[in-house]
Amino acid sequence: MRGEKVCNVQDARTLHCLTAEATVSCARCGAKAHSPQNVCEPVQLAESKSSGE
């Protein structure tokens, strides 16, 4: 699955594995993924959890 682009995945199980706990989104199509390798133009997602400060 390494390097497989989220926007090209047909299998729901594979898609779930690639998108679980997403850390990046694609600047081109908006797809979200865990690894920057799995989107065409990765953009880091803003962390939504509070840091506890």
C-alpha atoms as a PDB file:
ATOM      1  CA  MET A   1       0.000   0.000   0.000  1.00  0.00           C
ATOM      2  CA  ARG A   2       3.007   2.291   0.293  1.00  0.00           C
ATOM      3  CA  GLY A   3       2.759   5.011  -2.328  1.00  0.00           C
ATOM      4  CA  GLU A   4      -0.765   4.114  -3.434  1.00  0.00           C
ATOM      5  CA  LYS A   5      -2.786   7.302  -3.981  1.00  0.00           C
ATOM      6  CA  VAL A   6      -6.056   7.609  -2.037  1.00  0.00           C
ATOM      7  CA  CYS A   7      -7.866   9.127  -5.035  1.00  0.00           C
ATOM      8  CA  ASN A   8      -7.184   5.952  -7.077  1.00  0.00           C
ATOM      9  CA  VAL A   9      -8.179   3.331  -4.492  1.00  0.00           C
ATOM     10  CA  GLN A  10     -11.287   1.267  -5.311  1.00  0.00           C
ATOM     11  CA  ASP A  11     -11.191  -1.201  -2.376  1.00  0.00           C
ATOM     12  CA  ALA A  12     -12.921   0.064   0.797  1.00  0.00           C
ATOM     13  CA  ARG A  13     -10.624  -1.914   3.114  1.00  0.00           C
ATOM     14  CA  THR A  14      -7.478  -0.463   1.514  1.00  0.00           C
ATOM     15  CA  LEU A  15      -8.977   3.024   1.576  1.00  0.00           C
ATOM     16  CA  HIS A  16      -9.720   2.697   5.287  1.00  0.00           C
ATOM     17  CA  CYS A  17      -6.116   1.639   5.987  1.00  0.00           C
ATOM     18  CA  LEU A  18      -4.713   4.598   4.058  1.00  0.00           C
ATOM     19  CA  THR A  19      -7.009   7.199   5.624  1.00  0.00           C
ATOM     20  CA  ALA A  20      -7.141   6.085   9.279  1.00  0.00           C
ATOM     21  CA  GLU A  21      -5.781   8.839  11.536  1.00  0.00           C
ATOM     22  CA  ALA A  22      -5.163  11.190   8.603  1.00  0.00           C
ATOM     23  CA  THR A  23      -2.278  13.646   8.975  1.00  0.00           C
ATOM     24  CA  VAL A  24      -2.277  15.175   5.467  1.00  0.00           C
ATOM     25  CA  SER A  25      -4.727  16.241   2.796  1.00  0.00           C
ATOM     26  CA  CYS A  26      -4.262  16.632  -0.944  1.00  0.00           C
ATOM     27  CA  ALA A  27      -4.099  20.256  -2.115  1.00  0.00           C
ATOM     28  CA  ARG A  28      -5.427  19.097  -5.497  1.00  0.00           C
ATOM     29  CA  CYS A  29      -8.502  16.987  -4.623  1.00  0.00           C
ATOM     30  CA  GLY A  30      -8.910  17.250  -0.824  1.00  0.00           C
ATOM     31  CA  ALA A  31      -8.395  13.528  -0.135  1.00  0.00           C
ATOM     32  CA  LYS A  32      -7.072  12.819   3.369  1.00  0.00           C
ATOM     33  CA  ALA A  33      -4.467  10.203   4.259  1.00  0.00           C
ATOM     34  CA  HIS A  34      -2.147   9.080   7.025  1.00  0.00           C
ATOM     35  CA  SER A  35       0.987   9.314   4.881  1.00  0.00           C
ATOM     36  CA  PRO A  36       2.068  12.098   2.499  1.00  0.00           C
ATOM     37  CA  GLN A  37       3.010   9.355   0.019  1.00  0.00           C
ATOM     38  CA  ASN A  38      -0.677   8.518  -0.404  1.00  0.00           C
ATOM     39  CA  VAL A  39      -1.825  11.871  -1.854  1.00  0.00           C
ATOM     40  CA  CYS A  40      -0.669  13.815  -4.922  1.00  0.00           C
ATOM     41  CA  GLU A  41       0.050  17.184  -3.277  1.00  0.00           C
ATOM     42  CA  PRO A  42       0.342  16.703   0.511  1.00  0.00           C
ATOM     43  CA  VAL A  43      -0.559  19.521   2.901  1.00  0.00           C
ATOM     44  CA  GLN A  44      -0.170  18.946   6.647  1.00  0.00           C
ATOM     45  CA  LEU A  45      -3.506  18.943   8.505  1.00  0.00           C
ATOM     46  CA  ALA A  46      -3.823  21.290  11.464  1.00  0.00           C
ATOM     47  CA  GLU A  47      -3.818  19.333  14.709  1.00  0.00           C
ATOM     48  CA  SER A  48      -7.339  19.416  16.145  1.00  0.00           C
ATOM     49  CA  LYS A  49      -6.479  18.114  19.619  1.00  0.00           C
ATOM     50  CA  SER A  50      -5.572  20.599  22.342  1.00  0.00           C
ATOM     51  CA  SER A  51      -2.006  20.389  23.597  1.00  0.00           C
ATOM     52  CA  GLY A  52      -3.058  20.711  27.247  1.00  0.00           C
ATOM     53  CA  GLU A  53      -1.313  24.041  27.823  1.00  0.00           C
END
